N, C-alpha and C. Protein backbone atom coordinates (compact mmCIF):
# COMPACT_ATOMS: atom_id res chain seq x y z
N MET A 1 11.97 -7.45 18.40
CA MET A 1 12.57 -8.11 17.33
C MET A 1 13.55 -7.27 16.64
N ARG A 2 14.87 -7.66 16.57
CA ARG A 2 15.92 -7.03 16.20
C ARG A 2 16.28 -7.71 14.78
N ARG A 3 16.33 -6.88 13.68
CA ARG A 3 16.66 -7.44 12.29
C ARG A 3 18.10 -7.10 12.08
N ASP A 4 18.84 -8.14 11.51
CA ASP A 4 20.10 -7.72 11.22
C ASP A 4 20.10 -7.36 9.62
N LYS A 5 21.26 -7.14 9.14
CA LYS A 5 21.40 -6.59 7.69
C LYS A 5 20.96 -8.05 6.70
N LYS A 6 21.40 -9.00 7.20
CA LYS A 6 21.27 -10.16 6.20
C LYS A 6 19.72 -10.58 6.08
N THR A 7 18.93 -10.43 7.18
CA THR A 7 17.59 -10.78 7.33
C THR A 7 16.92 -9.76 6.36
N THR A 8 17.16 -8.42 6.52
CA THR A 8 16.54 -7.41 5.76
C THR A 8 16.81 -7.56 4.42
N LYS A 9 18.07 -7.87 3.99
CA LYS A 9 18.36 -7.99 2.63
C LYS A 9 17.47 -9.20 2.10
N LEU A 10 17.42 -10.27 2.83
CA LEU A 10 16.90 -11.43 2.26
C LEU A 10 15.24 -11.17 2.09
N ALA A 11 14.68 -10.49 3.05
CA ALA A 11 13.35 -10.18 3.01
C ALA A 11 13.00 -9.27 1.89
N LYS A 12 13.78 -8.21 1.66
CA LYS A 12 13.45 -7.38 0.45
C LYS A 12 13.74 -8.14 -0.83
N LYS A 13 14.76 -9.01 -0.94
CA LYS A 13 14.85 -9.79 -2.09
C LYS A 13 13.74 -10.87 -2.39
N LEU A 14 12.98 -11.37 -1.33
CA LEU A 14 11.89 -12.14 -1.40
C LEU A 14 10.64 -11.20 -1.91
N VAL A 15 10.55 -9.88 -1.47
CA VAL A 15 9.60 -9.10 -1.94
C VAL A 15 9.64 -8.87 -3.46
N GLU A 16 10.93 -8.72 -3.91
CA GLU A 16 11.28 -8.50 -5.36
C GLU A 16 10.63 -9.87 -6.20
N LEU A 17 10.93 -10.92 -5.44
CA LEU A 17 10.57 -12.06 -6.23
C LEU A 17 9.08 -12.40 -6.15
N SER A 18 8.41 -11.59 -5.33
CA SER A 18 6.93 -11.63 -5.26
C SER A 18 6.27 -10.88 -6.24
N LYS A 19 6.95 -10.11 -7.09
CA LYS A 19 6.35 -9.29 -7.98
C LYS A 19 6.30 -9.98 -9.35
N GLU A 20 5.33 -9.53 -10.11
CA GLU A 20 5.16 -9.96 -11.52
C GLU A 20 6.05 -9.07 -12.25
N ALA A 21 6.15 -9.33 -13.61
CA ALA A 21 6.96 -8.57 -14.65
C ALA A 21 6.67 -7.04 -14.60
N ASN A 22 5.35 -6.57 -14.38
CA ASN A 22 4.98 -5.38 -14.31
C ASN A 22 5.21 -4.76 -13.01
N GLY A 23 5.69 -5.41 -12.01
CA GLY A 23 6.21 -4.76 -10.74
C GLY A 23 5.08 -4.82 -9.70
N VAL A 24 3.98 -5.63 -10.06
CA VAL A 24 2.79 -5.72 -8.94
C VAL A 24 2.99 -7.18 -8.22
N VAL A 25 2.79 -6.75 -6.86
CA VAL A 25 2.90 -8.07 -6.09
C VAL A 25 1.55 -8.97 -6.24
N THR A 26 1.64 -10.27 -6.46
CA THR A 26 0.51 -10.95 -6.64
C THR A 26 0.54 -12.23 -5.77
N GLN A 27 -0.81 -12.64 -5.54
CA GLN A 27 -0.86 -13.84 -4.42
C GLN A 27 -0.13 -14.99 -4.99
N SER A 28 -0.28 -15.25 -6.40
CA SER A 28 0.37 -16.55 -6.82
C SER A 28 1.90 -16.39 -6.53
N LYS A 29 2.46 -15.20 -6.79
CA LYS A 29 4.02 -15.11 -6.55
C LYS A 29 4.38 -15.27 -5.21
N VAL A 30 3.51 -14.60 -4.27
CA VAL A 30 3.75 -14.86 -2.81
C VAL A 30 3.79 -16.21 -2.41
N GLY A 31 2.77 -17.07 -3.08
CA GLY A 31 2.62 -18.37 -2.67
C GLY A 31 3.77 -19.26 -3.18
N GLU A 32 4.45 -18.79 -4.34
CA GLU A 32 5.63 -19.44 -4.85
C GLU A 32 6.86 -19.21 -3.85
N VAL A 33 6.85 -17.91 -3.58
CA VAL A 33 8.10 -17.54 -2.62
C VAL A 33 7.91 -18.44 -1.25
N LEU A 34 6.71 -18.44 -0.65
CA LEU A 34 6.56 -19.21 0.48
C LEU A 34 6.82 -20.61 0.35
N ALA A 35 6.43 -21.20 -0.72
CA ALA A 35 6.68 -22.61 -1.17
C ALA A 35 8.23 -22.82 -1.22
N GLY A 36 8.90 -21.83 -1.83
CA GLY A 36 10.43 -22.10 -2.03
C GLY A 36 11.01 -21.82 -0.63
N LEU A 37 10.57 -21.16 0.24
CA LEU A 37 11.08 -20.85 1.53
C LEU A 37 10.88 -22.29 2.48
N LYS A 38 9.73 -22.90 2.20
CA LYS A 38 9.76 -24.25 2.98
C LYS A 38 10.72 -25.19 2.40
N GLU A 39 11.19 -25.19 1.22
CA GLU A 39 12.08 -26.13 0.54
C GLU A 39 13.65 -25.89 1.16
N VAL A 40 13.83 -24.81 1.47
CA VAL A 40 15.30 -24.49 1.98
C VAL A 40 15.49 -24.35 3.42
N THR A 41 16.56 -24.47 3.83
CA THR A 41 16.84 -24.23 5.26
C THR A 41 17.28 -22.74 5.51
N VAL A 42 16.53 -22.06 6.27
CA VAL A 42 16.83 -20.74 6.65
C VAL A 42 17.09 -20.43 8.15
N ARG A 43 18.07 -19.79 8.57
CA ARG A 43 18.38 -19.50 9.97
C ARG A 43 17.36 -18.47 10.37
N ARG A 44 16.85 -18.49 11.45
CA ARG A 44 15.91 -17.73 12.16
C ARG A 44 14.67 -17.47 11.12
N TYR A 45 14.16 -18.69 10.81
CA TYR A 45 12.99 -18.67 9.88
C TYR A 45 11.86 -17.70 10.27
N LEU A 46 11.50 -17.77 11.55
CA LEU A 46 10.32 -16.86 11.96
C LEU A 46 10.62 -15.31 11.82
N LEU A 47 11.80 -15.14 12.04
CA LEU A 47 12.18 -13.62 11.85
C LEU A 47 12.25 -13.17 10.31
N VAL A 48 12.73 -14.18 9.51
CA VAL A 48 12.76 -13.83 8.12
C VAL A 48 11.30 -13.67 7.76
N LEU A 49 10.38 -14.54 8.11
CA LEU A 49 8.87 -14.34 7.80
C LEU A 49 8.33 -13.20 8.13
N LYS A 50 8.55 -12.72 9.45
CA LYS A 50 8.12 -11.38 9.90
C LYS A 50 8.64 -10.32 9.12
N THR A 51 9.93 -10.25 8.78
CA THR A 51 10.45 -9.21 8.09
C THR A 51 9.89 -9.12 6.78
N TYR A 52 9.64 -10.29 6.09
CA TYR A 52 9.24 -10.37 4.69
C TYR A 52 7.87 -9.92 4.73
N LEU A 53 6.87 -10.10 5.78
CA LEU A 53 5.58 -9.70 5.88
C LEU A 53 5.67 -8.09 6.04
N TYR A 54 6.56 -7.60 6.95
CA TYR A 54 6.67 -6.25 7.01
C TYR A 54 6.78 -5.60 5.78
N TYR A 55 7.89 -5.93 4.91
CA TYR A 55 8.23 -5.27 3.50
C TYR A 55 7.29 -5.64 2.63
N LEU A 56 6.53 -6.66 2.65
CA LEU A 56 5.47 -6.95 1.82
C LEU A 56 4.22 -6.15 1.97
N ARG A 57 3.87 -5.84 3.20
CA ARG A 57 2.72 -4.85 3.48
C ARG A 57 3.11 -3.45 2.92
N ARG A 58 4.42 -3.18 3.16
CA ARG A 58 4.76 -1.73 2.62
C ARG A 58 4.74 -1.72 1.12
N GLU A 59 5.08 -2.76 0.53
CA GLU A 59 4.99 -2.64 -0.90
C GLU A 59 3.67 -2.66 -1.46
N ILE A 60 2.74 -3.39 -0.92
CA ILE A 60 1.45 -3.50 -1.35
C ILE A 60 0.65 -2.01 -1.07
N ALA A 61 1.03 -1.45 0.12
CA ALA A 61 0.58 -0.11 0.42
C ALA A 61 0.98 0.95 -0.72
N LEU A 62 2.27 0.70 -1.19
CA LEU A 62 2.67 1.60 -2.33
C LEU A 62 1.86 1.27 -3.57
N GLN A 63 1.29 0.23 -3.79
CA GLN A 63 0.61 -0.14 -4.96
C GLN A 63 -0.86 0.11 -4.96
N THR A 64 -1.37 0.66 -3.71
CA THR A 64 -2.70 0.68 -3.57
C THR A 64 -3.17 2.06 -3.09
N ALA A 65 -4.18 2.64 -3.72
CA ALA A 65 -4.72 4.00 -3.35
C ALA A 65 -6.04 3.61 -2.64
N VAL A 66 -5.88 4.11 -1.41
CA VAL A 66 -7.07 3.89 -0.61
C VAL A 66 -7.84 5.16 -0.50
N VAL A 67 -9.11 5.13 -1.01
CA VAL A 67 -9.95 6.37 -1.38
C VAL A 67 -10.82 6.40 -0.26
N SER A 68 -10.85 7.34 0.61
CA SER A 68 -11.82 7.52 1.82
C SER A 68 -12.82 8.51 1.27
N THR A 69 -14.06 8.14 1.37
CA THR A 69 -15.19 8.89 1.12
C THR A 69 -16.30 8.94 2.16
N PRO A 70 -17.09 9.98 2.20
CA PRO A 70 -18.24 9.88 3.15
C PRO A 70 -19.45 9.06 2.62
N GLY A 71 -19.46 8.78 1.47
CA GLY A 71 -20.47 7.83 0.89
C GLY A 71 -19.97 6.99 -0.10
N ALA A 72 -20.90 6.31 -0.98
CA ALA A 72 -20.30 5.43 -2.09
C ALA A 72 -19.81 6.19 -3.23
N LEU A 73 -18.84 5.64 -3.78
CA LEU A 73 -18.19 6.21 -5.00
C LEU A 73 -18.55 5.31 -6.40
N ALA A 74 -18.74 6.11 -7.29
CA ALA A 74 -18.92 5.31 -8.61
C ALA A 74 -17.80 4.65 -9.15
N PRO A 75 -18.03 3.49 -9.74
CA PRO A 75 -16.80 2.82 -10.28
C PRO A 75 -15.90 3.48 -11.32
N GLU A 76 -16.67 4.36 -12.02
CA GLU A 76 -15.85 5.11 -13.13
C GLU A 76 -15.06 6.12 -12.37
N SER A 77 -15.47 6.76 -11.27
CA SER A 77 -14.72 7.81 -10.45
C SER A 77 -13.44 6.91 -9.90
N LEU A 78 -13.58 5.64 -9.30
CA LEU A 78 -12.63 5.00 -9.04
C LEU A 78 -11.60 4.61 -9.73
N ASP A 79 -12.08 4.38 -11.13
CA ASP A 79 -11.07 3.95 -12.17
C ASP A 79 -10.22 5.10 -12.53
N ALA A 80 -10.93 6.33 -12.48
CA ALA A 80 -10.21 7.53 -12.88
C ALA A 80 -9.06 7.89 -11.84
N ILE A 81 -9.47 7.71 -10.61
CA ILE A 81 -8.46 7.85 -9.58
C ILE A 81 -7.36 6.96 -9.67
N ALA A 82 -7.49 5.55 -9.92
CA ALA A 82 -6.40 4.75 -10.22
C ALA A 82 -5.63 5.10 -11.30
N ALA A 83 -6.23 5.63 -12.35
CA ALA A 83 -5.46 5.92 -13.69
C ALA A 83 -4.56 7.14 -13.27
N LYS A 84 -5.10 8.12 -12.56
CA LYS A 84 -4.38 9.25 -12.34
C LYS A 84 -3.12 9.03 -11.45
N PHE A 85 -3.26 8.09 -10.44
CA PHE A 85 -2.27 7.91 -9.64
C PHE A 85 -1.21 6.86 -10.35
N THR A 86 -1.69 6.17 -11.29
CA THR A 86 -0.74 5.21 -12.11
C THR A 86 0.13 6.05 -12.79
N ALA A 87 -0.41 6.99 -13.48
CA ALA A 87 0.37 8.12 -14.35
C ALA A 87 1.22 8.75 -13.40
N GLN A 88 0.90 9.23 -12.25
CA GLN A 88 1.48 10.24 -11.28
C GLN A 88 2.81 9.44 -10.78
N TYR A 89 2.65 8.18 -10.48
CA TYR A 89 3.66 7.40 -9.68
C TYR A 89 4.60 6.53 -10.82
N GLY A 90 3.92 6.52 -11.97
CA GLY A 90 4.69 5.54 -12.97
C GLY A 90 4.74 4.14 -12.63
N ARG A 91 3.86 3.71 -11.96
CA ARG A 91 3.69 2.09 -11.64
C ARG A 91 2.26 1.97 -11.32
N PRO A 92 1.95 0.67 -11.61
CA PRO A 92 0.33 0.34 -11.41
C PRO A 92 -0.15 0.56 -10.02
N ILE A 93 -1.24 1.38 -9.84
CA ILE A 93 -1.87 1.50 -8.55
C ILE A 93 -3.32 1.16 -8.65
N ALA A 94 -3.70 0.19 -7.63
CA ALA A 94 -5.11 -0.13 -7.70
C ALA A 94 -5.79 0.62 -6.60
N ALA A 95 -7.03 0.93 -6.94
CA ALA A 95 -7.78 1.87 -6.01
C ALA A 95 -8.80 1.05 -5.43
N GLN A 96 -8.95 1.33 -3.88
CA GLN A 96 -10.02 0.60 -3.22
C GLN A 96 -10.74 1.89 -2.39
N THR A 97 -11.88 1.61 -2.05
CA THR A 97 -12.77 2.56 -1.34
C THR A 97 -12.83 2.19 0.06
N ARG A 98 -12.88 3.37 0.88
CA ARG A 98 -13.25 3.13 2.39
C ARG A 98 -14.34 4.17 2.79
N ILE A 99 -15.35 3.76 3.19
CA ILE A 99 -16.35 4.92 3.84
C ILE A 99 -15.93 5.42 5.14
N ASP A 100 -15.92 6.64 4.99
CA ASP A 100 -15.50 7.51 6.37
C ASP A 100 -16.52 8.68 6.51
N PRO A 101 -17.47 8.49 7.31
CA PRO A 101 -18.46 9.63 7.41
C PRO A 101 -17.91 10.90 8.10
N SER A 102 -16.64 10.87 8.78
CA SER A 102 -16.19 12.07 9.29
C SER A 102 -15.64 13.10 8.35
N LEU A 103 -15.66 12.71 6.86
CA LEU A 103 -15.07 13.54 5.97
C LEU A 103 -15.94 14.62 5.66
N ILE A 104 -17.24 14.55 5.89
CA ILE A 104 -18.39 15.33 5.50
C ILE A 104 -18.75 15.44 3.95
N ALA A 105 -17.62 15.82 3.18
CA ALA A 105 -17.64 15.78 1.77
C ALA A 105 -16.18 15.63 1.18
N GLY A 106 -16.17 15.34 -0.02
CA GLY A 106 -14.93 15.29 -0.68
C GLY A 106 -14.18 13.83 -0.52
N VAL A 107 -12.90 13.90 -0.77
CA VAL A 107 -12.12 12.43 -0.68
C VAL A 107 -10.85 12.75 -0.03
N ARG A 108 -10.25 11.73 0.53
CA ARG A 108 -8.90 11.61 0.86
C ARG A 108 -8.28 10.43 0.23
N VAL A 109 -7.21 10.47 -0.28
CA VAL A 109 -6.59 9.35 -0.91
C VAL A 109 -5.09 9.14 -0.35
N ARG A 110 -4.95 7.93 0.16
CA ARG A 110 -3.62 7.50 0.66
C ARG A 110 -2.96 6.52 -0.11
N VAL A 111 -1.66 6.78 -0.68
CA VAL A 111 -0.90 5.80 -1.35
C VAL A 111 0.42 5.67 -0.66
N GLY A 112 0.65 4.55 -0.06
CA GLY A 112 1.82 4.35 0.88
C GLY A 112 1.74 5.45 1.94
N ASP A 113 2.75 6.27 2.17
CA ASP A 113 2.87 7.31 3.20
C ASP A 113 2.18 8.80 2.60
N ASP A 114 1.92 8.72 1.52
CA ASP A 114 1.30 9.96 0.94
C ASP A 114 -0.07 10.15 0.92
N VAL A 115 -0.49 11.28 1.63
CA VAL A 115 -1.92 11.54 1.83
C VAL A 115 -2.42 12.73 0.84
N TYR A 116 -3.48 12.57 0.12
CA TYR A 116 -4.05 13.81 -0.75
C TYR A 116 -5.25 13.82 -0.06
N ASP A 117 -5.60 15.25 0.54
CA ASP A 117 -6.78 15.36 1.31
C ASP A 117 -7.60 16.46 0.61
N ALA A 118 -8.57 16.11 -0.04
CA ALA A 118 -9.56 17.06 -0.67
C ALA A 118 -10.89 17.00 -0.18
N SER A 119 -11.12 16.76 1.20
CA SER A 119 -12.23 16.80 1.81
C SER A 119 -12.55 18.07 2.64
N VAL A 120 -13.86 18.28 3.04
CA VAL A 120 -14.25 19.46 3.63
C VAL A 120 -13.62 19.47 5.08
N ALA A 121 -13.63 18.26 5.68
CA ALA A 121 -13.19 18.17 7.05
C ALA A 121 -11.60 18.63 7.10
N GLY A 122 -10.78 18.15 6.08
CA GLY A 122 -9.48 18.52 5.95
C GLY A 122 -9.30 20.05 5.71
N ARG A 123 -10.13 20.49 4.85
CA ARG A 123 -10.14 21.99 4.75
C ARG A 123 -10.48 22.86 6.00
N LEU A 124 -11.36 22.36 6.69
CA LEU A 124 -11.72 23.00 7.98
C LEU A 124 -10.63 22.86 9.00
N LYS A 125 -10.04 21.69 8.95
CA LYS A 125 -9.00 21.62 9.96
C LYS A 125 -7.70 22.50 9.66
N ARG A 126 -7.40 22.57 8.39
CA ARG A 126 -6.33 23.42 7.96
C ARG A 126 -6.56 24.95 8.18
N PHE A 127 -7.92 25.22 8.08
CA PHE A 127 -8.36 26.62 8.21
C PHE A 127 -8.28 27.05 9.70
N ALA A 128 -8.73 26.05 10.58
CA ALA A 128 -8.70 26.09 12.06
C ALA A 128 -7.12 26.41 12.57
N GLU A 129 -6.16 25.53 11.93
CA GLU A 129 -4.95 25.70 12.25
C GLU A 129 -4.22 27.04 11.79
N SER A 130 -4.57 27.54 10.64
CA SER A 130 -4.01 28.78 10.09
C SER A 130 -4.49 29.97 11.06
N VAL A 131 -5.77 29.81 11.63
CA VAL A 131 -6.28 30.97 12.52
C VAL A 131 -5.52 31.08 13.61
N HIS A 132 -5.10 29.89 14.24
CA HIS A 132 -4.45 29.84 15.58
C HIS A 132 -3.02 30.38 15.41
């Protein structure tokens, strides 16, 4: 799948239209964008939709903190993590949990491409790499 500049530019514009005033992508806005796309004639419709989906997923990843823990996390802790990353990035960040028993203890948080590792498994791995 080769994207040209016009397709990429259109897909990025559609992602911007999928955001609320506060900069958060919402299901209702995405529905409006897709309904609007049905109404107009677009060349290479499938390519535009695939490119839109690609950039939409990237934008949602930037707005989501995936908190990996070895066990359950208290809702208050999850709210505190979301508040911290919202302040750090200067945009609304929603937090969601993922159970990962391989972490042993601690947490690993992923926001887009950024990974913050405060787990025992991560510390052991970094220690092993420094020894070699």
